[in-house]
PDB file of N, CA and C in Angstrom:
ATOM      1  N   MET A   1     181.043 -10.685-155.551  1.00  0.00           N
ATOM      2  CA  MET A   1     181.881 -11.454-156.437  1.00  0.00           C
ATOM      3  C   MET A   1     181.534 -11.116-157.898  1.00  0.00           C
ATOM      4  N   VAL A   2     182.545 -10.949-158.704  1.00  0.00           N
ATOM      5  CA  VAL A   2     182.344 -10.640-160.119  1.00  0.00           C
ATOM      6  C   VAL A   2     181.887 -11.898-160.841  1.00  0.00           C
ATOM      7  N   LYS A   3     180.846 -11.755-161.628  1.00  0.00           N
ATOM      8  CA  LYS A   3     180.292 -12.886-162.366  1.00  0.00           C
ATOM      9  C   LYS A   3     180.838 -12.914-163.784  1.00  0.00           C
ATOM     10  N   GLN A   4     180.999 -14.108-164.309  1.00  0.00           N
ATOM     11  CA  GLN A   4     181.423 -14.287-165.696  1.00  0.00           C
ATOM     12  C   GLN A   4     180.233 -13.962-166.595  1.00  0.00           C
ATOM     13  N   ILE A   5     180.480 -13.190-167.643  1.00  0.00           N
ATOM     14  CA  ILE A   5     179.430 -12.797-168.584  1.00  0.00           C
ATOM     15  C   ILE A   5     179.370 -13.811-169.713  1.00  0.00           C
ATOM     16  N   ILE A   6     178.187 -14.347-169.949  1.00  0.00           N
ATOM     17  CA  ILE A   6     177.970 -15.307-171.031  1.00  0.00           C
ATOM     18  C   ILE A   6     176.861 -14.756-171.927  1.00  0.00           C
ATOM     19  N   TRP A   7     177.188 -14.598-173.200  1.00  0.00           N
ATOM     20  CA  TRP A   7     176.245 -14.071-174.186  1.00  0.00           C
ATOM     21  C   TRP A   7     175.504 -15.209-174.866  1.00  0.00           C
ATOM     22  N   SER A   8     174.198 -15.082-174.971  1.00  0.00           N
ATOM     23  CA  SER A   8     173.436 -16.037-175.786  1.00  0.00           C
ATOM     24  C   SER A   8     173.666 -15.686-177.256  1.00  0.00           C
ATOM     25  N   ALA A   9     173.391 -16.643-178.131  1.00  0.00           N
ATOM     26  CA  ALA A   9     173.508 -16.386-179.567  1.00  0.00           C
ATOM     27  C   ALA A   9     172.547 -15.270-179.987  1.00  0.00           C
ATOM     28  N   THR A  10     171.378 -15.240-179.384  1.00  0.00           N
ATOM     29  CA  THR A  10     170.391 -14.207-179.692  1.00  0.00           C
ATOM     30  C   THR A  10     170.919 -12.821-179.319  1.00  0.00           C
ATOM     31  N   ALA A  11     171.493 -12.699-178.141  1.00  0.00           N
ATOM     32  CA  ALA A  11     172.021 -11.405-177.705  1.00  0.00           C
ATOM     33  C   ALA A  11     173.177 -10.951-178.589  1.00  0.00           C
ATOM     34  N   GLN A  12     174.024 -11.874-178.982  1.00  0.00           N
ATOM     35  CA  GLN A  12     175.127 -11.526-179.879  1.00  0.00           C
ATOM     36  C   GLN A  12     174.597 -11.013-181.212  1.00  0.00           C
ATOM     37  N   LYS A  13     173.578 -11.688-181.734  1.00  0.00           N
ATOM     38  CA  LYS A  13     172.974 -11.254-182.989  1.00  0.00           C
ATOM     39  C   LYS A  13     172.298  -9.890-182.831  1.00  0.00           C
ATOM     40  N   ASN A  14     171.600  -9.695-181.710  1.00  0.00           N
ATOM     41  CA  ASN A  14     170.959  -8.402-181.454  1.00  0.00           C
ATOM     42  C   ASN A  14     171.985  -7.277-181.470  1.00  0.00           C
ATOM     43  N   ARG A  15     173.103  -7.498-180.797  1.00  0.00           N
ATOM     44  CA  ARG A  15     174.149  -6.471-180.735  1.00  0.00           C
ATOM     45  C   ARG A  15     174.714  -6.183-182.126  1.00  0.00           C
ATOM     46  N   ARG A  16     175.005  -7.236-182.884  1.00  0.00           N
ATOM     47  CA  ARG A  16     175.507  -7.049-184.251  1.00  0.00           C
ATOM     48  C   ARG A  16     174.498  -6.282-185.108  1.00  0.00           C
ATOM     49  N   ASP A  17     173.221  -6.647-184.996  1.00  0.00           N
ATOM     50  CA  ASP A  17     172.171  -5.986-185.780  1.00  0.00           C
ATOM     51  C   ASP A  17     172.060  -4.497-185.413  1.00  0.00           C
ATOM     52  N   ILE A  18     172.182  -4.191-184.133  1.00  0.00           N
ATOM     53  CA  ILE A  18     172.120  -2.795-183.684  1.00  0.00           C
ATOM     54  C   ILE A  18     173.274  -2.007-184.293  1.00  0.00           C
ATOM     55  N   PHE A  19     174.467  -2.565-184.234  1.00  0.00           N
ATOM     56  CA  PHE A  19     175.631  -1.864-184.791  1.00  0.00           C
ATOM     57  C   PHE A  19     175.525  -1.731-186.307  1.00  0.00           C
ATOM     58  N   THR A  20     175.061  -2.765-186.968  1.00  0.00           N
ATOM     59  CA  THR A  20     174.891  -2.707-188.421  1.00  0.00           C
ATOM     60  C   THR A  20     173.884  -1.622-188.801  1.00  0.00           C
ATOM     61  N   TYR A  21     172.782  -1.567-188.068  1.00  0.00           N
ATOM     62  CA  TYR A  21     171.777  -0.537-188.332  1.00  0.00           C
ATOM     63  C   TYR A  21     172.396   0.859-188.246  1.00  0.00           C
ATOM     64  N   TRP A  22     173.102   1.136-187.143  1.00  0.00           N
ATOM     65  CA  TRP A  22     173.668   2.468-186.949  1.00  0.00           C
ATOM     66  C   TRP A  22     174.794   2.758-187.947  1.00  0.00           C
ATOM     67  N   ASN A  23     175.590   1.762-188.295  1.00  0.00           N
ATOM     68  CA  ASN A  23     176.640   1.955-189.298  1.00  0.00           C
ATOM     69  C   ASN A  23     176.035   2.358-190.639  1.00  0.00           C
ATOM     70  N   ASN A  24     174.977   1.667-191.036  1.00  0.00           N
ATOM     71  CA  ASN A  24     174.312   1.968-192.311  1.00  0.00           C
ATOM     72  C   ASN A  24     173.584   3.311-192.270  1.00  0.00           C
ATOM     73  N   ARG A  25     172.916   3.562-191.174  1.00  0.00           N
ATOM     74  CA  ARG A  25     172.131   4.801-191.058  1.00  0.00           C
ATOM     75  C   ARG A  25     173.031   6.033-191.056  1.00  0.00           C
ATOM     76  N   ASN A  26     174.127   5.954-190.309  1.00  0.00           N
ATOM     77  CA  ASN A  26     175.012   7.112-190.165  1.00  0.00           C
ATOM     78  C   ASN A  26     176.164   7.129-191.166  1.00  0.00           C
ATOM     79  N   LYS A  27     176.315   6.057-191.928  1.00  0.00           N
ATOM     80  CA  LYS A  27     177.434   5.924-192.869  1.00  0.00           C
ATOM     81  C   LYS A  27     178.777   6.100-192.152  1.00  0.00           C
ATOM     82  N   SER A  28     178.799   5.642-190.909  1.00  0.00           N
ATOM     83  CA  SER A  28     179.991   5.764-190.075  1.00  0.00           C
ATOM     84  C   SER A  28     179.888   4.762-188.928  1.00  0.00           C
ATOM     85  N   ARG A  29     181.028   4.370-188.400  1.00  0.00           N
ATOM     86  CA  ARG A  29     181.036   3.454-187.259  1.00  0.00           C
ATOM     87  C   ARG A  29     181.204   4.171-185.923  1.00  0.00           C
ATOM     88  N   SER A  30     181.322   5.464-185.938  1.00  0.00           N
ATOM     89  CA  SER A  30     181.641   6.179-184.698  1.00  0.00           C
ATOM     90  C   SER A  30     180.554   6.017-183.630  1.00  0.00           C
ATOM     91  N   TYR A  31     179.268   6.111-183.999  1.00  0.00           N
ATOM     92  CA  TYR A  31     178.207   5.944-182.997  1.00  0.00           C
ATOM     93  C   TYR A  31     178.181   4.512-182.480  1.00  0.00           C
ATOM     94  N   SER A  32     178.367   3.535-183.365  1.00  0.00           N
ATOM     95  CA  SER A  32     178.380   2.136-182.938  1.00  0.00           C
ATOM     96  C   SER A  32     179.509   1.880-181.951  1.00  0.00           C
ATOM     97  N   LYS A  33     180.651   2.493-182.186  1.00  0.00           N
ATOM     98  CA  LYS A  33     181.783   2.327-181.263  1.00  0.00           C
ATOM     99  C   LYS A  33     181.461   2.906-179.891  1.00  0.00           C
ATOM    100  N   LYS A  34     180.830   4.073-179.878  1.00  0.00           N
ATOM    101  CA  LYS A  34     180.431   4.684-178.605  1.00  0.00           C
ATOM    102  C   LYS A  34     179.397   3.825-177.891  1.00  0.00           C
ATOM    103  N   LEU A  35     178.446   3.316-178.653  1.00  0.00           N
ATOM    104  CA  LEU A  35     177.412   2.462-178.075  1.00  0.00           C
ATOM    105  C   LEU A  35     178.014   1.174-177.532  1.00  0.00           C
ATOM    106  N   ASN A  36     178.979   0.613-178.247  1.00  0.00           N
ATOM    107  CA  ASN A  36     179.646  -0.599-177.785  1.00  0.00           C
ATOM    108  C   ASN A  36     180.370  -0.360-176.457  1.00  0.00           C
ATOM    109  N   VAL A  37     181.018   0.792-176.315  1.00  0.00           N
ATOM    110  CA  VAL A  37     181.672   1.134-175.054  1.00  0.00           C
ATOM    111  C   VAL A  37     180.642   1.196-173.923  1.00  0.00           C
ATOM    112  N   LEU A  38     179.487   1.794-174.193  1.00  0.00           N
ATOM    113  CA  LEU A  38     178.424   1.857-173.181  1.00  0.00           C
ATOM    114  C   LEU A  38     177.936   0.458-172.793  1.00  0.00           C
ATOM    115  N   PHE A  39     177.761  -0.415-173.795  1.00  0.00           N
ATOM    116  CA  PHE A  39     177.361  -1.798-173.501  1.00  0.00           C
ATOM    117  C   PHE A  39     178.399  -2.466-172.608  1.00  0.00           C
ATOM    118  N   LYS A  40     179.672  -2.335-172.966  1.00  0.00           N
ATOM    119  CA  LYS A  40     180.747  -2.972-172.192  1.00  0.00           C
ATOM    120  C   LYS A  40     180.798  -2.443-170.762  1.00  0.00           C
ATOM    121  N   GLU A  41     180.718  -1.123-170.611  1.00  0.00           N
ATOM    122  CA  GLU A  41     180.752  -0.535-169.267  1.00  0.00           C
ATOM    123  C   GLU A  41     179.569  -1.001-168.428  1.00  0.00           C
ATOM    124  N   THR A  42     178.403  -1.077-169.052  1.00  0.00           N
ATOM    125  CA  THR A  42     177.208  -1.527-168.335  1.00  0.00           C
ATOM    126  C   THR A  42     177.339  -2.978-167.913  1.00  0.00           C
ATOM    127  N   LEU A  43     177.875  -3.816-168.789  1.00  0.00           N
ATOM    128  CA  LEU A  43     178.025  -5.234-168.453  1.00  0.00           C
ATOM    129  C   LEU A  43     179.074  -5.453-167.369  1.00  0.00           C
ATOM    130  N   ILE A  44     180.114  -4.658-167.370  1.00  0.00           N
ATOM    131  CA  ILE A  44     181.106  -4.751-166.297  1.00  0.00           C
ATOM    132  C   ILE A  44     180.455  -4.385-164.966  1.00  0.00           C
ATOM    133  N   LEU A  45     179.651  -3.334-164.982  1.00  0.00           N
ATOM    134  CA  LEU A  45     178.921  -2.927-163.782  1.00  0.00           C
ATOM    135  C   LEU A  45     177.964  -4.027-163.323  1.00  0.00           C
ATOM    136  N   LEU A  46     177.234  -4.615-164.273  1.00  0.00           N
ATOM    137  CA  LEU A  46     176.303  -5.702-163.921  1.00  0.00           C
ATOM    138  C   LEU A  46     177.035  -6.929-163.404  1.00  0.00           C
ATOM    139  N   SER A  47     178.226  -7.200-163.924  1.00  0.00           N
ATOM    140  CA  SER A  47     178.964  -8.374-163.446  1.00  0.00           C
ATOM    141  C   SER A  47     179.379  -8.192-161.990  1.00  0.00           C
ATOM    142  N   LYS A  48     179.586  -6.950-161.579  1.00  0.00           N
ATOM    143  CA  LYS A  48     179.940  -6.657-160.183  1.00  0.00           C
ATOM    144  C   LYS A  48     178.710  -6.529-159.294  1.00  0.00           C
ATOM    145  N   TYR A  49     177.636  -5.946-159.859  1.00  0.00           N
ATOM    146  CA  TYR A  49     176.399  -5.691-159.113  1.00  0.00           C
ATOM    147  C   TYR A  49     175.216  -6.238-159.903  1.00  0.00           C
ATOM    148  N   PRO A  50     175.051  -7.556-159.939  1.00  0.00           N
ATOM    149  CA  PRO A  50     174.045  -8.160-160.818  1.00  0.00           C
ATOM    150  C   PRO A  50     172.597  -7.834-160.458  1.00  0.00           C
ATOM    151  N   LEU A  51     172.349  -7.386-159.253  1.00  0.00           N
ATOM    152  CA  LEU A  51     170.976  -7.056-158.872  1.00  0.00           C
ATOM    153  C   LEU A  51     170.609  -5.622-159.232  1.00  0.00           C
ATOM    154  N   LEU A  52     171.505  -4.938-159.923  1.00  0.00           N
ATOM    155  CA  LEU A  52     171.285  -3.560-160.335  1.00  0.00           C
ATOM    156  C   LEU A  52     170.087  -3.426-161.275  1.00  0.00           C
ATOM    157  N   GLY A  53     169.906  -4.399-162.156  1.00  0.00           N
ATOM    158  CA  GLY A  53     168.777  -4.372-163.086  1.00  0.00           C
ATOM    159  C   GLY A  53     167.465  -4.656-162.361  1.00  0.00           C
ATOM    160  N   LYS A  54     166.388  -4.202-162.939  1.00  0.00           N
ATOM    161  CA  LYS A  54     165.060  -4.389-162.357  1.00  0.00           C
ATOM    162  C   LYS A  54     164.584  -5.823-162.591  1.00  0.00           C
ATOM    163  N   ALA A  55     164.051  -6.427-161.553  1.00  0.00           N
ATOM    164  CA  ALA A  55     163.516  -7.787-161.658  1.00  0.00           C
ATOM    165  C   ALA A  55     162.227  -7.777-162.478  1.00  0.00           C
ATOM    166  N   VAL A  56     162.066  -8.783-163.314  1.00  0.00           N
ATOM    167  CA  VAL A  56     160.846  -8.950-164.092  1.00  0.00           C
ATOM    168  C   VAL A  56     159.870  -9.766-163.250  1.00  0.00           C
ATOM    169  N   LYS A  57     158.653  -9.272-163.132  1.00  0.00           N
ATOM    170  CA  LYS A  57     157.629  -9.908-162.298  1.00  0.00           C
ATOM    171  C   LYS A  57     157.414 -11.367-162.707  1.00  0.00           C
ATOM    172  N   ASP A  58     157.322 -12.241-161.711  1.00  0.00           N
ATOM    173  CA  ASP A  58     157.056 -13.668-161.917  1.00  0.00           C
ATOM    174  C   ASP A  58     158.095 -14.335-162.819  1.00  0.00           C
ATOM    175  N   SER A  59     159.350 -13.928-162.674  1.00  0.00           N
ATOM    176  CA  SER A  59     160.393 -14.453-163.541  1.00  0.00           C
ATOM    177  C   SER A  59     161.740 -14.336-162.845  1.00  0.00           C
ATOM    178  N   GLU A  60     162.709 -15.083-163.339  1.00  0.00           N
ATOM    179  CA  GLU A  60     164.085 -14.980-162.859  1.00  0.00           C
ATOM    180  C   GLU A  60     164.859 -13.940-163.658  1.00  0.00           C
ATOM    181  N   LEU A  61     164.214 -13.342-164.647  1.00  0.00           N
ATOM    182  CA  LEU A  61     164.880 -12.386-165.519  1.00  0.00           C
ATOM    183  C   LEU A  61     165.039 -11.036-164.838  1.00  0.00           C
ATOM    184  N   ARG A  62     166.053 -10.301-165.296  1.00  0.00           N
ATOM    185  CA  ARG A  62     166.278  -8.936-164.854  1.00  0.00           C
ATOM    186  C   ARG A  62     166.503  -8.083-166.099  1.00  0.00           C
ATOM    187  N   VAL A  63     166.245  -6.767-165.973  1.00  0.00           N
ATOM    188  CA  VAL A  63     166.373  -5.852-167.104  1.00  0.00           C
ATOM    189  C   VAL A  63     167.180  -4.629-166.673  1.00  0.00           C
ATOM    190  N   LYS A  64     168.161  -4.295-167.480  1.00  0.00           N
ATOM    191  CA  LYS A  64     168.922  -3.058-167.273  1.00  0.00           C
ATOM    192  C   LYS A  64     168.684  -2.177-168.488  1.00  0.00           C
ATOM    193  N   ILE A  65     168.271  -0.940-168.247  1.00  0.00           N
ATOM    194  CA  ILE A  65     168.004  -0.003-169.327  1.00  0.00           C
ATOM    195  C   ILE A  65     169.287   0.750-169.647  1.00  0.00           C
ATOM    196  N   LEU A  66     169.591   0.817-170.939  1.00  0.00           N
ATOM    197  CA  LEU A  66     170.749   1.563-171.422  1.00  0.00           C
ATOM    198  C   LEU A  66     170.305   2.336-172.656  1.00  0.00           C
ATOM    199  N   LYS A  67     170.154   3.637-172.500  1.00  0.00           N
ATOM    200  CA  LYS A  67     169.633   4.491-173.570  1.00  0.00           C
ATOM    201  C   LYS A  67     168.272   3.955-174.024  1.00  0.00           C
ATOM    202  N   ASP A  68     168.143   3.590-175.309  1.00  0.00           N
ATOM    203  CA  ASP A  68     166.878   3.064-175.833  1.00  0.00           C
ATOM    204  C   ASP A  68     166.838   1.544-175.826  1.00  0.00           C
ATOM    205  N   TYR A  69     167.760   0.915-175.139  1.00  0.00           N
ATOM    206  CA  TYR A  69     167.893  -0.537-175.183  1.00  0.00           C
ATOM    207  C   TYR A  69     167.647  -1.158-173.809  1.00  0.00           C
ATOM    208  N   LEU A  70     167.063  -2.341-173.849  1.00  0.00           N
ATOM    209  CA  LEU A  70     166.874  -3.138-172.638  1.00  0.00           C
ATOM    210  C   LEU A  70     167.817  -4.330-172.725  1.00  0.00           C
ATOM    211  N   ILE A  71     168.673  -4.465-171.739  1.00  0.00           N
ATOM    212  CA  ILE A  71     169.548  -5.626-171.650  1.00  0.00           C
ATOM    213  C   ILE A  71     168.843  -6.598-170.709  1.00  0.00           C
ATOM    214  N   ILE A  72     168.433  -7.722-171.253  1.00  0.00           N
ATOM    215  CA  ILE A  72     167.669  -8.703-170.489  1.00  0.00           C
ATOM    216  C   ILE A  72     168.600  -9.852-170.148  1.00  0.00           C
ATOM    217  N   TYR A  73     168.664 -10.168-168.855  1.00  0.00           N
ATOM    218  CA  TYR A  73     169.645 -11.143-168.400  1.00  0.00           C
ATOM    219  C   TYR A  73     169.121 -11.971-167.224  1.00  0.00           C
ATOM    220  N   GLU A  74     169.847 -13.046-166.958  1.00  0.00           N
ATOM    221  CA  GLU A  74     169.616 -13.903-165.796  1.00  0.00           C
ATOM    222  C   GLU A  74     170.937 -14.044-165.058  1.00  0.00           C
ATOM    223  N   ILE A  75     170.851 -14.375-163.789  1.00  0.00           N
ATOM    224  CA  ILE A  75     172.067 -14.593-163.012  1.00  0.00           C
ATOM    225  C   ILE A  75     171.966 -15.896-162.235  1.00  0.00           C
ATOM    226  N   ASP A  76     173.126 -16.486-161.981  1.00  0.00           N
ATOM    227  CA  ASP A  76     173.216 -17.572-161.022  1.00  0.00           C
ATOM    228  C   ASP A  76     174.423 -17.257-160.136  1.00  0.00           C
ATOM    229  N   ASP A  77     174.906 -18.221-159.375  1.00  0.00           N
ATOM    230  CA  ASP A  77     175.979 -17.948-158.428  1.00  0.00           C
ATOM    231  C   ASP A  77     177.257 -17.440-159.080  1.00  0.00           C
ATOM    232  N   GLU A  78     177.543 -17.883-160.294  1.00  0.00           N
ATOM    233  CA  GLU A  78     178.820 -17.553-160.920  1.00  0.00           C
ATOM    234  C   GLU A  78     178.712 -16.812-162.250  1.00  0.00           C
ATOM    235  N   HIS A  79     177.514 -16.768-162.847  1.00  0.00           N
ATOM    236  CA  HIS A  79     177.386 -16.266-164.216  1.00  0.00           C
ATOM    237  C   HIS A  79     176.321 -15.191-164.354  1.00  0.00           C
ATOM    238  N   LEU A  80     176.544 -14.353-165.350  1.00  0.00           N
ATOM    239  CA  LEU A  80     175.569 -13.370-165.794  1.00  0.00           C
ATOM    240  C   LEU A  80     175.279 -13.732-167.246  1.00  0.00           C
ATOM    241  N   TYR A  81     174.069 -14.187-167.519  1.00  0.00           N
ATOM    242  CA  TYR A  81     173.672 -14.640-168.853  1.00  0.00           C
ATOM    243  C   TYR A  81     172.934 -13.515-169.568  1.00  0.00           C
ATOM    244  N   ILE A  82     173.537 -12.978-170.625  1.00  0.00           N
ATOM    245  CA  ILE A  82     172.889 -11.946-171.427  1.00  0.00           C
ATOM    246  C   ILE A  82     171.994 -12.676-172.433  1.00  0.00           C
ATOM    247  N   LEU A  83     170.689 -12.511-172.285  1.00  0.00           N
ATOM    248  CA  LEU A  83     169.734 -13.250-173.104  1.00  0.00           C
ATOM    249  C   LEU A  83     169.369 -12.510-174.376  1.00  0.00           C
ATOM    250  N   THR A  84     169.153 -11.213-174.266  1.00  0.00           N
ATOM    251  CA  THR A  84     168.807 -10.421-175.441  1.00  0.00           C
ATOM    252  C   THR A  84     169.066  -8.949-175.161  1.00  0.00           C
ATOM    253  N   ILE A  85     169.257  -8.213-176.222  1.00  0.00           N
ATOM    254  CA  ILE A  85     169.284  -6.750-176.158  1.00  0.00           C
ATOM    255  C   ILE A  85     168.151  -6.295-177.063  1.00  0.00           C
ATOM    256  N   TRP A  86     167.220  -5.574-176.489  1.00  0.00           N
ATOM    257  CA  TRP A  86     166.008  -5.224-177.207  1.00  0.00           C
ATOM    258  C   TRP A  86     165.893  -3.708-177.323  1.00  0.00           C
ATOM    259  N   ASP A  87     165.620  -3.224-178.514  1.00  0.00           N
ATOM    260  CA  ASP A  87     165.420  -1.805-178.762  1.00  0.00           C
ATOM    261  C   ASP A  87     164.006  -1.445-178.319  1.00  0.00           C
ATOM    262  N   SER A  88     163.894  -0.573-177.350  1.00  0.00           N
ATOM    263  CA  SER A  88     162.588  -0.256-176.760  1.00  0.00           C
ATOM    264  C   SER A  88     161.674   0.518-177.703  1.00  0.00           C
ATOM    265  N   ARG A  89     162.186   0.912-178.868  1.00  0.00           N
ATOM    266  CA  ARG A  89     161.349   1.607-179.851  1.00  0.00           C
ATOM    267  C   ARG A  89     160.594   0.628-180.740  1.00  0.00           C
ATOM    268  N   GLN A  90     160.814  -0.663-180.527  1.00  0.00           N
ATOM    269  CA  GLN A  90     160.114  -1.695-181.299  1.00  0.00           C
ATOM    270  C   GLN A  90     158.736  -1.954-180.709  1.00  0.00           C
ATOM    271  N   ASN A  91     157.955  -2.737-181.434  1.00  0.00           N
ATOM    272  CA  ASN A  91     156.642  -3.152-180.962  1.00  0.00           C
ATOM    273  C   ASN A  91     156.814  -3.971-179.680  1.00  0.00           C
ATOM    274  N   PRO A  92     156.190  -3.578-178.579  1.00  0.00           N
ATOM    275  CA  PRO A  92     156.354  -4.304-177.319  1.00  0.00           C
ATOM    276  C   PRO A  92     155.893  -5.765-177.384  1.00  0.00           C
ATOM    277  N   ASP A  93     154.999  -6.078-178.304  1.00  0.00           N
ATOM    278  CA  ASP A  93     154.560  -7.469-178.430  1.00  0.00           C
ATOM    279  C   ASP A  93     155.712  -8.381-178.832  1.00  0.00           C
ATOM    280  N   SER A  94     156.667  -7.862-179.586  1.00  0.00           N
ATOM    281  CA  SER A  94     157.809  -8.698-179.982  1.00  0.00           C
ATOM    282  C   SER A  94     158.666  -9.051-178.776  1.00  0.00           C
ATOM    283  N   LEU A  95     158.732  -8.194-177.780  1.00  0.00           N
ATOM    284  CA  LEU A  95     159.476  -8.523-176.565  1.00  0.00           C
ATOM    285  C   LEU A  95     158.736  -9.576-175.749  1.00  0.00           C
ATOM    286  N   ASN A  96     157.419  -9.462-175.674  1.00  0.00           N
ATOM    287  CA  ASN A  96     156.628 -10.463-174.946  1.00  0.00           C
ATOM    288  C   ASN A  96     156.829 -11.858-175.521  1.00  0.00           C
ATOM    289  N   VAL A  97     156.933 -11.950-176.833  1.00  0.00           N
ATOM    290  CA  VAL A  97     157.169 -13.242-177.469  1.00  0.00           C
ATOM    291  C   VAL A  97     158.530 -13.786-177.038  1.00  0.00           C
ATOM    292  N   LEU A  98     159.535 -12.933-177.008  1.00  0.00           N
ATOM    293  CA  LEU A  98     160.873 -13.357-176.587  1.00  0.00           C
ATOM    294  C   LEU A  98     160.888 -13.849-175.146  1.00  0.00           C
ATOM    295  N   LEU A  99     160.204 -13.141-174.269  1.00  0.00           N
ATOM    296  CA  LEU A  99     160.253 -13.461-172.846  1.00  0.00           C
ATOM    297  C   LEU A  99     159.434 -14.686-172.483  1.00  0.00           C
ATOM    298  N   HIS A 100     158.498 -15.084-173.329  1.00  0.00           N
ATOM    299  CA  HIS A 100     157.636 -16.205-172.983  1.00  0.00           C
ATOM    300  C   HIS A 100     157.903 -17.451-173.813  1.00  0.00           C
ATOM    301  N   LYS A 101     159.090 -17.539-174.390  1.00  0.00           N
ATOM    302  CA  LYS A 101     159.444 -18.748-175.155  1.00  0.00           C
ATOM    303  C   LYS A 101     159.767 -19.872-174.210  1.00  0.00           C
TER     304      LYS A 101
END
């Protein structure tokens, strides 16, 4: 069954920040548009196959890797909750803080 995708405010901000970074860095929106398509395609796939992402040990969280980004999410019977999108090139301690709030 296809699950409804629900974005947390944090995940929405993460996505906006990622696109803003690439827009400023490249002085163009073309890479951000391509990346957005990849995010959308991945989320459609996850909504159909929510167990596709790797389970996080001792947690209900799951992680799907997309390029340099980790899409961290939870699922229930009807929903796929996108909790955060994390750039794996960041300090890993910042992700630990997010996951243990």
